[in-house]
PDB file of N, CA and C in Angstrom:
ATOM      1  N   MET A   1     108.632  64.813 155.837  1.00  0.00           N
ATOM      2  CA  MET A   1     109.061  65.378 157.103  1.00  0.00           C
ATOM      3  C   MET A   1     110.263  64.581 157.618  1.00  0.00           C
ATOM      4  N   ARG A   2     111.227  65.273 158.186  1.00  0.00           N
ATOM      5  CA  ARG A   2     112.409  64.619 158.742  1.00  0.00           C
ATOM      6  C   ARG A   2     112.033  63.721 159.922  1.00  0.00           C
ATOM      7  N   LEU A   3     112.750  62.618 160.053  1.00  0.00           N
ATOM      8  CA  LEU A   3     112.489  61.667 161.132  1.00  0.00           C
ATOM      9  C   LEU A   3     112.593  62.309 162.503  1.00  0.00           C
ATOM     10  N   ASP A   4     113.658  63.051 162.780  1.00  0.00           N
ATOM     11  CA  ASP A   4     113.831  63.636 164.110  1.00  0.00           C
ATOM     12  C   ASP A   4     112.703  64.606 164.459  1.00  0.00           C
ATOM     13  N   LYS A   5     112.260  65.389 163.488  1.00  0.00           N
ATOM     14  CA  LYS A   5     111.160  66.327 163.745  1.00  0.00           C
ATOM     15  C   LYS A   5     109.850  65.570 163.987  1.00  0.00           C
ATOM     16  N   TYR A   6     109.605  64.515 163.206  1.00  0.00           N
ATOM     17  CA  TYR A   6     108.386  63.723 163.387  1.00  0.00           C
ATOM     18  C   TYR A   6     108.343  63.102 164.787  1.00  0.00           C
ATOM     19  N   LEU A   7     109.455  62.548 165.230  1.00  0.00           N
ATOM     20  CA  LEU A   7     109.487  61.918 166.550  1.00  0.00           C
ATOM     21  C   LEU A   7     109.182  62.924 167.650  1.00  0.00           C
ATOM     22  N   LYS A   8     109.632  64.163 167.475  1.00  0.00           N
ATOM     23  CA  LYS A   8     109.352  65.202 168.462  1.00  0.00           C
ATOM     24  C   LYS A   8     107.901  65.687 168.383  1.00  0.00           C
ATOM     25  N   VAL A   9     107.433  66.011 167.178  1.00  0.00           N
ATOM     26  CA  VAL A   9     106.066  66.534 167.010  1.00  0.00           C
ATOM     27  C   VAL A   9     105.031  65.507 167.466  1.00  0.00           C
ATOM     28  N   SER A  10     105.271  64.238 167.168  1.00  0.00           N
ATOM     29  CA  SER A  10     104.323  63.188 167.550  1.00  0.00           C
ATOM     30  C   SER A  10     104.446  62.797 169.025  1.00  0.00           C
ATOM     31  N   ARG A  11     105.459  63.351 169.689  1.00  0.00           N
ATOM     32  CA  ARG A  11     105.720  63.107 171.113  1.00  0.00           C
ATOM     33  C   ARG A  11     106.141  61.667 171.410  1.00  0.00           C
ATOM     34  N   ILE A  12     106.652  60.977 170.416  1.00  0.00           N
ATOM     35  CA  ILE A  12     107.227  59.655 170.660  1.00  0.00           C
ATOM     36  C   ILE A  12     108.516  59.834 171.446  1.00  0.00           C
ATOM     37  N   ILE A  13     109.294  60.859 171.082  1.00  0.00           N
ATOM     38  CA  ILE A  13     110.472  61.272 171.833  1.00  0.00           C
ATOM     39  C   ILE A  13     110.285  62.750 172.143  1.00  0.00           C
ATOM     40  N   LYS A  14     110.502  63.135 173.382  1.00  0.00           N
ATOM     41  CA  LYS A  14     110.139  64.474 173.837  1.00  0.00           C
ATOM     42  C   LYS A  14     110.985  65.612 173.261  1.00  0.00           C
ATOM     43  N   ARG A  15     112.261  65.357 172.995  1.00  0.00           N
ATOM     44  CA  ARG A  15     113.123  66.428 172.490  1.00  0.00           C
ATOM     45  C   ARG A  15     113.714  66.048 171.141  1.00  0.00           C
ATOM     46  N   ARG A  16     113.839  67.032 170.272  1.00  0.00           N
ATOM     47  CA  ARG A  16     114.368  66.768 168.931  1.00  0.00           C
ATOM     48  C   ARG A  16     115.847  66.372 168.985  1.00  0.00           C
ATOM     49  N   THR A  17     116.610  66.948 169.893  1.00  0.00           N
ATOM     50  CA  THR A  17     118.025  66.587 169.993  1.00  0.00           C
ATOM     51  C   THR A  17     118.179  65.126 170.400  1.00  0.00           C
ATOM     52  N   LEU A  18     117.327  64.653 171.292  1.00  0.00           N
ATOM     53  CA  LEU A  18     117.367  63.248 171.692  1.00  0.00           C
ATOM     54  C   LEU A  18     116.940  62.359 170.519  1.00  0.00           C
ATOM     55  N   ALA A  19     115.928  62.785 169.762  1.00  0.00           N
ATOM     56  CA  ALA A  19     115.483  62.030 168.586  1.00  0.00           C
ATOM     57  C   ALA A  19     116.616  61.928 167.565  1.00  0.00           C
ATOM     58  N   LYS A  20     117.385  63.001 167.415  1.00  0.00           N
ATOM     59  CA  LYS A  20     118.523  62.998 166.489  1.00  0.00           C
ATOM     60  C   LYS A  20     119.590  62.018 166.965  1.00  0.00           C
ATOM     61  N   GLU A  21     119.894  62.038 168.253  1.00  0.00           N
ATOM     62  CA  GLU A  21     120.902  61.126 168.804  1.00  0.00           C
ATOM     63  C   GLU A  21     120.498  59.668 168.602  1.00  0.00           C
ATOM     64  N   VAL A  22     119.262  59.338 168.943  1.00  0.00           N
ATOM     65  CA  VAL A  22     118.768  57.960 168.799  1.00  0.00           C
ATOM     66  C   VAL A  22     118.850  57.524 167.340  1.00  0.00           C
ATOM     67  N   SER A  23     118.458  58.390 166.439  1.00  0.00           N
ATOM     68  CA  SER A  23     118.479  58.071 165.007  1.00  0.00           C
ATOM     69  C   SER A  23     119.907  57.877 164.510  1.00  0.00           C
ATOM     70  N   ASP A  24     120.771  58.783 164.866  1.00  0.00           N
ATOM     71  CA  ASP A  24     122.145  58.738 164.367  1.00  0.00           C
ATOM     72  C   ASP A  24     122.958  57.592 164.975  1.00  0.00           C
ATOM     73  N   GLU A  25     122.475  57.019 166.077  1.00  0.00           N
ATOM     74  CA  GLU A  25     123.130  55.855 166.679  1.00  0.00           C
ATOM     75  C   GLU A  25     122.726  54.556 165.986  1.00  0.00           C
ATOM     76  N   GLY A  26     121.833  54.643 165.000  1.00  0.00           N
ATOM     77  CA  GLY A  26     121.414  53.449 164.272  1.00  0.00           C
ATOM     78  C   GLY A  26     120.356  52.632 164.987  1.00  0.00           C
ATOM     79  N   ARG A  27     119.610  53.257 165.895  1.00  0.00           N
ATOM     80  CA  ARG A  27     118.587  52.537 166.658  1.00  0.00           C
ATOM     81  C   ARG A  27     117.195  52.666 166.060  1.00  0.00           C
ATOM     82  N   VAL A  28     117.104  53.263 164.866  1.00  0.00           N
ATOM     83  CA  VAL A  28     115.808  53.458 164.201  1.00  0.00           C
ATOM     84  C   VAL A  28     115.873  52.873 162.797  1.00  0.00           C
ATOM     85  N   THR A  29     114.827  52.136 162.429  1.00  0.00           N
ATOM     86  CA  THR A  29     114.698  51.677 161.045  1.00  0.00           C
ATOM     87  C   THR A  29     113.361  52.153 160.485  1.00  0.00           C
ATOM     88  N   ILE A  30     113.371  52.416 159.191  1.00  0.00           N
ATOM     89  CA  ILE A  30     112.139  52.772 158.483  1.00  0.00           C
ATOM     90  C   ILE A  30     111.986  51.769 157.361  1.00  0.00           C
ATOM     91  N   ASN A  31     110.902  51.043 157.380  1.00  0.00           N
ATOM     92  CA  ASN A  31     110.622  50.005 156.381  1.00  0.00           C
ATOM     93  C   ASN A  31     111.806  49.047 156.230  1.00  0.00           C
ATOM     94  N   GLY A  32     112.453  48.722 157.354  1.00  0.00           N
ATOM     95  CA  GLY A  32     113.530  47.751 157.359  1.00  0.00           C
ATOM     96  C   GLY A  32     114.918  48.286 157.085  1.00  0.00           C
ATOM     97  N   SER A  33     115.054  49.573 156.772  1.00  0.00           N
ATOM     98  CA  SER A  33     116.360  50.175 156.499  1.00  0.00           C
ATOM     99  C   SER A  33     116.750  51.118 157.634  1.00  0.00           C
ATOM    100  N   THR A  34     118.007  51.069 158.025  1.00  0.00           N
ATOM    101  CA  THR A  34     118.489  51.958 159.074  1.00  0.00           C
ATOM    102  C   THR A  34     118.305  53.406 158.634  1.00  0.00           C
ATOM    103  N   ALA A  35     117.818  54.236 159.571  1.00  0.00           N
ATOM    104  CA  ALA A  35     117.489  55.621 159.239  1.00  0.00           C
ATOM    105  C   ALA A  35     118.317  56.589 160.075  1.00  0.00           C
ATOM    106  N   LYS A  36     118.631  57.714 159.494  1.00  0.00           N
ATOM    107  CA  LYS A  36     119.303  58.815 160.186  1.00  0.00           C
ATOM    108  C   LYS A  36     118.269  59.896 160.480  1.00  0.00           C
ATOM    109  N   ALA A  37     118.661  60.895 161.259  1.00  0.00           N
ATOM    110  CA  ALA A  37     117.747  61.958 161.669  1.00  0.00           C
ATOM    111  C   ALA A  37     117.113  62.688 160.488  1.00  0.00           C
ATOM    112  N   GLY A  38     117.845  62.847 159.400  1.00  0.00           N
ATOM    113  CA  GLY A  38     117.341  63.590 158.246  1.00  0.00           C
ATOM    114  C   GLY A  38     116.553  62.765 157.253  1.00  0.00           C
ATOM    115  N   THR A  39     116.372  61.475 157.529  1.00  0.00           N
ATOM    116  CA  THR A  39     115.608  60.622 156.621  1.00  0.00           C
ATOM    117  C   THR A  39     114.167  61.130 156.552  1.00  0.00           C
ATOM    118  N   LEU A  40     113.629  61.205 155.337  1.00  0.00           N
ATOM    119  CA  LEU A  40     112.261  61.710 155.164  1.00  0.00           C
ATOM    120  C   LEU A  40     111.243  60.603 155.379  1.00  0.00           C
ATOM    121  N   LEU A  41     110.207  60.921 156.126  1.00  0.00           N
ATOM    122  CA  LEU A  41     109.113  59.982 156.396  1.00  0.00           C
ATOM    123  C   LEU A  41     107.941  60.265 155.479  1.00  0.00           C
ATOM    124  N   ASN A  42     107.179  59.222 155.190  1.00  0.00           N
ATOM    125  CA  ASN A  42     105.943  59.339 154.427  1.00  0.00           C
ATOM    126  C   ASN A  42     104.839  58.616 155.187  1.00  0.00           C
ATOM    127  N   VAL A  43     103.607  58.988 154.925  1.00  0.00           N
ATOM    128  CA  VAL A  43     102.468  58.287 155.520  1.00  0.00           C
ATOM    129  C   VAL A  43     102.524  56.831 155.068  1.00  0.00           C
ATOM    130  N   GLY A  44     102.323  55.918 156.006  1.00  0.00           N
ATOM    131  CA  GLY A  44     102.352  54.490 155.698  1.00  0.00           C
ATOM    132  C   GLY A  44     103.681  53.823 156.032  1.00  0.00           C
ATOM    133  N   ASP A  45     104.721  54.606 156.326  1.00  0.00           N
ATOM    134  CA  ASP A  45     106.010  54.023 156.688  1.00  0.00           C
ATOM    135  C   ASP A  45     105.902  53.277 158.017  1.00  0.00           C
ATOM    136  N   ILE A  46     106.666  52.195 158.131  1.00  0.00           N
ATOM    137  CA  ILE A  46     106.746  51.418 159.370  1.00  0.00           C
ATOM    138  C   ILE A  46     108.079  51.749 160.016  1.00  0.00           C
ATOM    139  N   VAL A  47     108.015  52.262 161.237  1.00  0.00           N
ATOM    140  CA  VAL A  47     109.202  52.698 161.962  1.00  0.00           C
ATOM    141  C   VAL A  47     109.401  51.797 163.177  1.00  0.00           C
ATOM    142  N   LYS A  48     110.648  51.403 163.395  1.00  0.00           N
ATOM    143  CA  LYS A  48     111.006  50.565 164.531  1.00  0.00           C
ATOM    144  C   LYS A  48     112.110  51.278 165.295  1.00  0.00           C
ATOM    145  N   ILE A  49     111.902  51.482 166.613  1.00  0.00           N
ATOM    146  CA  ILE A  49     112.868  52.187 167.452  1.00  0.00           C
ATOM    147  C   ILE A  49     113.264  51.304 168.624  1.00  0.00           C
ATOM    148  N   ARG A  50     114.569  51.239 168.883  1.00  0.00           N
ATOM    149  CA  ARG A  50     115.063  50.489 170.046  1.00  0.00           C
ATOM    150  C   ARG A  50     115.334  51.480 171.173  1.00  0.00           C
ATOM    151  N   PHE A  51     114.559  51.344 172.265  1.00  0.00           N
ATOM    152  CA  PHE A  51     114.732  52.147 173.480  1.00  0.00           C
ATOM    153  C   PHE A  51     115.280  51.210 174.550  1.00  0.00           C
ATOM    154  N   GLY A  52     116.558  51.232 174.834  1.00  0.00           N
ATOM    155  CA  GLY A  52     117.120  50.389 175.882  1.00  0.00           C
ATOM    156  C   GLY A  52     116.756  48.931 175.691  1.00  0.00           C
ATOM    157  N   ASN A  53     115.853  48.420 176.528  1.00  0.00           N
ATOM    158  CA  ASN A  53     115.458  47.008 176.437  1.00  0.00           C
ATOM    159  C   ASN A  53     114.063  46.830 175.824  1.00  0.00           C
ATOM    160  N   LYS A  54     113.644  47.789 175.023  1.00  0.00           N
ATOM    161  CA  LYS A  54     112.315  47.717 174.397  1.00  0.00           C
ATOM    162  C   LYS A  54     112.423  48.123 172.937  1.00  0.00           C
ATOM    163  N   ILE A  55     111.678  47.430 172.092  1.00  0.00           N
ATOM    164  CA  ILE A  55     111.587  47.793 170.672  1.00  0.00           C
ATOM    165  C   ILE A  55     110.129  48.153 170.388  1.00  0.00           C
ATOM    166  N   VAL A  56     109.928  49.364 169.894  1.00  0.00           N
ATOM    167  CA  VAL A  56     108.582  49.841 169.567  1.00  0.00           C
ATOM    168  C   VAL A  56     108.472  49.952 168.051  1.00  0.00           C
ATOM    169  N   THR A  57     107.407  49.363 167.497  1.00  0.00           N
ATOM    170  CA  THR A  57     107.133  49.434 166.062  1.00  0.00           C
ATOM    171  C   THR A  57     105.816  50.171 165.866  1.00  0.00           C
ATOM    172  N   PHE A  58     105.821  51.160 164.975  1.00  0.00           N
ATOM    173  CA  PHE A  58     104.589  51.904 164.713  1.00  0.00           C
ATOM    174  C   PHE A  58     104.490  52.277 163.242  1.00  0.00           C
ATOM    175  N   GLU A  59     103.265  52.590 162.833  1.00  0.00           N
ATOM    176  CA  GLU A  59     103.002  53.030 161.461  1.00  0.00           C
ATOM    177  C   GLU A  59     102.712  54.524 161.477  1.00  0.00           C
ATOM    178  N   VAL A  60     103.268  55.250 160.520  1.00  0.00           N
ATOM    179  CA  VAL A  60     103.034  56.685 160.388  1.00  0.00           C
ATOM    180  C   VAL A  60     101.668  56.873 159.733  1.00  0.00           C
ATOM    181  N   LEU A  61     100.755  57.547 160.444  1.00  0.00           N
ATOM    182  CA  LEU A  61      99.408  57.776 159.917  1.00  0.00           C
ATOM    183  C   LEU A  61      99.223  59.187 159.376  1.00  0.00           C
ATOM    184  N   MET A  62      99.988  60.135 159.924  1.00  0.00           N
ATOM    185  CA  MET A  62      99.776  61.540 159.595  1.00  0.00           C
ATOM    186  C   MET A  62     101.093  62.295 159.744  1.00  0.00           C
ATOM    187  N   LEU A  63     101.311  63.291 158.918  1.00  0.00           N
ATOM    188  CA  LEU A  63     102.466  64.173 159.039  1.00  0.00           C
ATOM    189  C   LEU A  63     101.968  65.585 159.305  1.00  0.00           C
ATOM    190  N   GLY A  64     102.686  66.318 160.116  1.00  0.00           N
ATOM    191  CA  GLY A  64     102.301  67.699 160.389  1.00  0.00           C
ATOM    192  C   GLY A  64     103.405  68.411 161.126  1.00  0.00           C
ATOM    193  N   ALA A  65     103.603  69.684 160.822  1.00  0.00           N
ATOM    194  CA  ALA A  65     104.691  70.444 161.423  1.00  0.00           C
ATOM    195  C   ALA A  65     104.438  70.743 162.899  1.00  0.00           C
ATOM    196  N   HIS A  66     103.168  70.816 163.287  1.00  0.00           N
ATOM    197  CA  HIS A  66     102.803  71.103 164.672  1.00  0.00           C
ATOM    198  C   HIS A  66     101.623  70.217 165.034  1.00  0.00           C
ATOM    199  N   ALA A  67     101.545  69.853 166.318  1.00  0.00           N
ATOM    200  CA  ALA A  67     100.412  69.057 166.772  1.00  0.00           C
ATOM    201  C   ALA A  67     100.189  69.284 168.254  1.00  0.00           C
ATOM    202  N   LYS A  68      98.928  69.439 168.618  1.00  0.00           N
ATOM    203  CA  LYS A  68      98.579  69.497 170.034  1.00  0.00           C
ATOM    204  C   LYS A  68      98.681  68.090 170.595  1.00  0.00           C
ATOM    205  N   LYS A  69      98.652  67.974 171.895  1.00  0.00           N
ATOM    206  CA  LYS A  69      98.822  66.671 172.537  1.00  0.00           C
ATOM    207  C   LYS A  69      97.808  65.646 172.015  1.00  0.00           C
ATOM    208  N   GLU A  70      96.562  66.041 171.878  1.00  0.00           N
ATOM    209  CA  GLU A  70      95.511  65.123 171.403  1.00  0.00           C
ATOM    210  C   GLU A  70      95.772  64.701 169.955  1.00  0.00           C
ATOM    211  N   GLU A  71      96.223  65.650 169.147  1.00  0.00           N
ATOM    212  CA  GLU A  71      96.502  65.358 167.735  1.00  0.00           C
ATOM    213  C   GLU A  71      97.727  64.472 167.572  1.00  0.00           C
ATOM    214  N   ALA A  72      98.712  64.648 168.440  1.00  0.00           N
ATOM    215  CA  ALA A  72      99.962  63.895 168.344  1.00  0.00           C
ATOM    216  C   ALA A  72      99.707  62.390 168.430  1.00  0.00           C
ATOM    217  N   GLU A  73      98.784  61.977 169.268  1.00  0.00           N
ATOM    218  CA  GLU A  73      98.475  60.559 169.438  1.00  0.00           C
ATOM    219  C   GLU A  73      97.849  59.949 168.185  1.00  0.00           C
ATOM    220  N   ARG A  74      97.277  60.779 167.325  1.00  0.00           N
ATOM    221  CA  ARG A  74      96.655  60.277 166.094  1.00  0.00           C
ATOM    222  C   ARG A  74      97.623  60.253 164.917  1.00  0.00           C
ATOM    223  N   MET A  75      98.864  60.683 165.141  1.00  0.00           N
ATOM    224  CA  MET A  75      99.849  60.732 164.063  1.00  0.00           C
ATOM    225  C   MET A  75     100.458  59.363 163.763  1.00  0.00           C
ATOM    226  N   TYR A  76     100.284  58.418 164.680  1.00  0.00           N
ATOM    227  CA  TYR A  76     100.882  57.092 164.499  1.00  0.00           C
ATOM    228  C   TYR A  76     100.009  56.026 165.152  1.00  0.00           C
ATOM    229  N   LYS A  77     100.253  54.785 164.755  1.00  0.00           N
ATOM    230  CA  LYS A  77      99.548  53.642 165.346  1.00  0.00           C
ATOM    231  C   LYS A  77     100.612  52.633 165.782  1.00  0.00           C
ATOM    232  N   ILE A  78     100.601  52.307 167.069  1.00  0.00           N
ATOM    233  CA  ILE A  78     101.555  51.322 167.600  1.00  0.00           C
ATOM    234  C   ILE A  78     101.184  49.952 167.040  1.00  0.00           C
ATOM    235  N   ILE A  79     102.155  49.291 166.439  1.00  0.00           N
ATOM    236  CA  ILE A  79     101.952  47.943 165.912  1.00  0.00           C
ATOM    237  C   ILE A  79     102.378  46.917 166.949  1.00  0.00           C
ATOM    238  N   SER A  80     103.548  47.148 167.574  1.00  0.00           N
ATOM    239  CA  SER A  80     104.003  46.221 168.618  1.00  0.00           C
ATOM    240  C   SER A  80     105.003  46.896 169.536  1.00  0.00           C
ATOM    241  N   GLU A  81     105.075  46.349 170.748  1.00  0.00           N
ATOM    242  CA  GLU A  81     106.078  46.744 171.728  1.00  0.00           C
ATOM    243  C   GLU A  81     106.662  45.457 172.266  1.00  0.00           C
ATOM    244  N   GLU A  82     107.970  45.286 172.104  1.00  0.00           N
ATOM    245  CA  GLU A  82     108.620  44.056 172.539  1.00  0.00           C
ATOM    246  C   GLU A  82     109.686  44.374 173.556  1.00  0.00           C
ATOM    247  N   ARG A  83     109.763  43.558 174.587  1.00  0.00           N
ATOM    248  CA  ARG A  83     110.845  43.662 175.556  1.00  0.00           C
ATOM    249  C   ARG A  83     111.967  42.743 175.103  1.00  0.00           C
ATOM    250  N   ILE A  84     113.181  43.239 175.183  1.00  0.00           N
ATOM    251  CA  ILE A  84     114.328  42.404 174.860  1.00  0.00           C
ATOM    252  C   ILE A  84     115.210  42.341 176.095  1.00  0.00           C
ATOM    253  N   GLU A  85     115.878  41.222 176.260  1.00  0.00           N
ATOM    254  CA  GLU A  85     116.764  41.074 177.400  1.00  0.00           C
ATOM    255  C   GLU A  85     118.181  41.375 176.976  1.00  0.00           C
ATOM    256  N   LYS A  86     118.872  42.128 177.797  1.00  0.00           N
ATOM    257  CA  LYS A  86     120.275  42.411 177.536  1.00  0.00           C
ATOM    258  C   LYS A  86     121.059  41.128 177.760  1.00  0.00           C
ATOM    259  N   ASN A  87     121.831  40.746 176.763  1.00  0.00           N
ATOM    260  CA  ASN A  87     122.647  39.545 176.904  1.00  0.00           C
ATOM    261  C   ASN A  87     123.872  39.636 176.002  1.00  0.00           C
ATOM    262  N   GLU A  88     124.600  38.556 175.941  1.00  0.00           N
ATOM    263  CA  GLU A  88     125.820  38.538 175.144  1.00  0.00           C
ATOM    264  C   GLU A  88     125.529  38.554 173.643  1.00  0.00           C
ATOM    265  N   ASN A  89     124.316  38.265 173.245  1.00  0.00           N
ATOM    266  CA  ASN A  89     123.950  38.184 171.833  1.00  0.00           C
ATOM    267  C   ASN A  89     123.393  39.499 171.305  1.00  0.00           C
ATOM    268  N   GLN A  90     123.975  40.614 171.714  1.00  0.00           N
ATOM    269  CA  GLN A  90     123.481  41.919 171.284  1.00  0.00           C
ATOM    270  C   GLN A  90     123.514  42.054 169.768  1.00  0.00           C
ATOM    271  N   ASP A  91     124.500  41.394 169.109  1.00  0.00           N
ATOM    272  CA  ASP A  91     124.583  41.459 167.648  1.00  0.00           C
ATOM    273  C   ASP A  91     123.342  40.854 167.003  1.00  0.00           C
ATOM    274  N   GLU A  92     122.799  39.787 167.590  1.00  0.00           N
ATOM    275  CA  GLU A  92     121.591  39.161 167.038  1.00  0.00           C
ATOM    276  C   GLU A  92     120.419  40.125 167.146  1.00  0.00           C
ATOM    277  N   ILE A  93     120.325  40.845 168.263  1.00  0.00           N
ATOM    278  CA  ILE A  93     119.246  41.818 168.447  1.00  0.00           C
ATOM    279  C   ILE A  93     119.395  42.938 167.432  1.00  0.00           C
ATOM    280  N   ASP A  94     120.630  43.418 167.242  1.00  0.00           N
ATOM    281  CA  ASP A  94     120.855  44.491 166.275  1.00  0.00           C
ATOM    282  C   ASP A  94     120.520  44.035 164.855  1.00  0.00           C
ATOM    283  N   GLU A  95     120.758  42.759 164.540  1.00  0.00           N
ATOM    284  CA  GLU A  95     120.401  42.220 163.223  1.00  0.00           C
ATOM    285  C   GLU A  95     118.892  42.253 163.043  1.00  0.00           C
ATOM    286  N   PHE A  96     118.149  41.989 164.112  1.00  0.00           N
ATOM    287  CA  PHE A  96     116.693  41.979 164.087  1.00  0.00           C
ATOM    288  C   PHE A  96     116.159  43.316 163.612  1.00  0.00           C
ATOM    289  N   LEU A  97     116.833  44.378 164.018  1.00  0.00           N
ATOM    290  CA  LEU A  97     116.418  45.724 163.607  1.00  0.00           C
ATOM    291  C   LEU A  97     116.741  45.876 162.151  1.00  0.00           C
TER     292      LEU A  97
END
């Protein structure tokens, strides 16, 4: 399943166009590699997304073209949520991803 569609179906990001923008800006990694919107996901992949001053890491547990709200929460497992501070060392933060 494409990354942008997964982010929308799982309700991690509410709109697919926003998921595409975030992915194409280089703010998403899958298993340590920068991912684009069309990157294919597999069960077991570790995804890391930078949202402003927060980095969310989760594991893909399930893939599906459609999901109800209750099912969407079971599609992934949050591994960590980290707050980052905006500072002059943005390059170091980007390297972390």
